[in-house]
């Protein structure tokens, strides 16, 4: 096993992580996945699970010692493990700080003793209700604990880079979508919600009037950005990664098809997310390759994968987002 071709992917059984694992294996890397399967799924790795260059380690990043053998002989660490979703972070902020901040610190401590590069999965939620298009220099204004915890984890990564000389880059993800997008647990990503509703013959629940737009970026494009950030000569950089062409939610609903129902807009949600991706284009030579309509069609071709996803209808959504309205509604701008 060549150490210079060995990568760790924390959260490698997750949505984006599993696609990154596939890309790395395609590029002849030995890949070590660290995942406790609290959010990831073993099925996400089914296409590569028999590859001799893949090792899957069922571990919680909050319980790994910096001197653990899991960090031995590794070139690059891609850190994608963490807690996601907005509402649970409002309900359980300590858990998010523990996993997304302290868990990141544990991985960084292992990385500085062994790895040559570290790439962090950041979140565009750190920008809050941002001006668009949003550049990497935009002021930081996290509006809920998830956003804060991801920004603090990124800050720790850059700090370890400064203090210990670990080359660090950060991929700031806007609205990623594609196969394996999270479909279990809490009310969240619009794709999982819409696809399950369509499968069930239920109306698609559109928040507000549906004219709000999101900078959707296909998951394989995101995975490619992570890889490019690990081989570039640039370090200590945040790179915004989006599709470069925000899409209205009502357009997404039209592409998926079916009856629609409109529910009240929520406080603290931006009308538009739109990444300025000029930095990634110029420094990483990265551009999004998957057209939005093609990406949606790929998901519809595999809509059966959402059969086991939770079904969110109007009353259930209202109940699930009560805490959102209670806390974020107090501070609506």
Foldseek 3Di string as FASTA:
>chain_A
DQLQQEEEEEVLQADLNVLLVVVSVVVVGQYEYEYQCPQGDPVSNVVCPPPPSYHYHNDQLLPDALPDCSLASHAEYEYDDADDDFLVCQVPVVRRLSRLAVSLVRVLSNCLVHYQAYEYEAEPLQLFQWDPPDEPPRDGDRDTSNNVSRVNSLVSQLVCCVPRVRFYEYEHEWAEDFPRHGQADADDDQVLQLLQCVVVQHAREAEDPQQQWTQYAYSNLSSVLRVLSGPFPDGSYYAYDGQQDTDGRVVLDVLLDHHHDYDYHAFRDHSYHGYPRVCCCVRSVGHGDDDPSNRSVNCVVVSVVSNPGDHDDDVNVCVRCPSRCVPRVVVGD
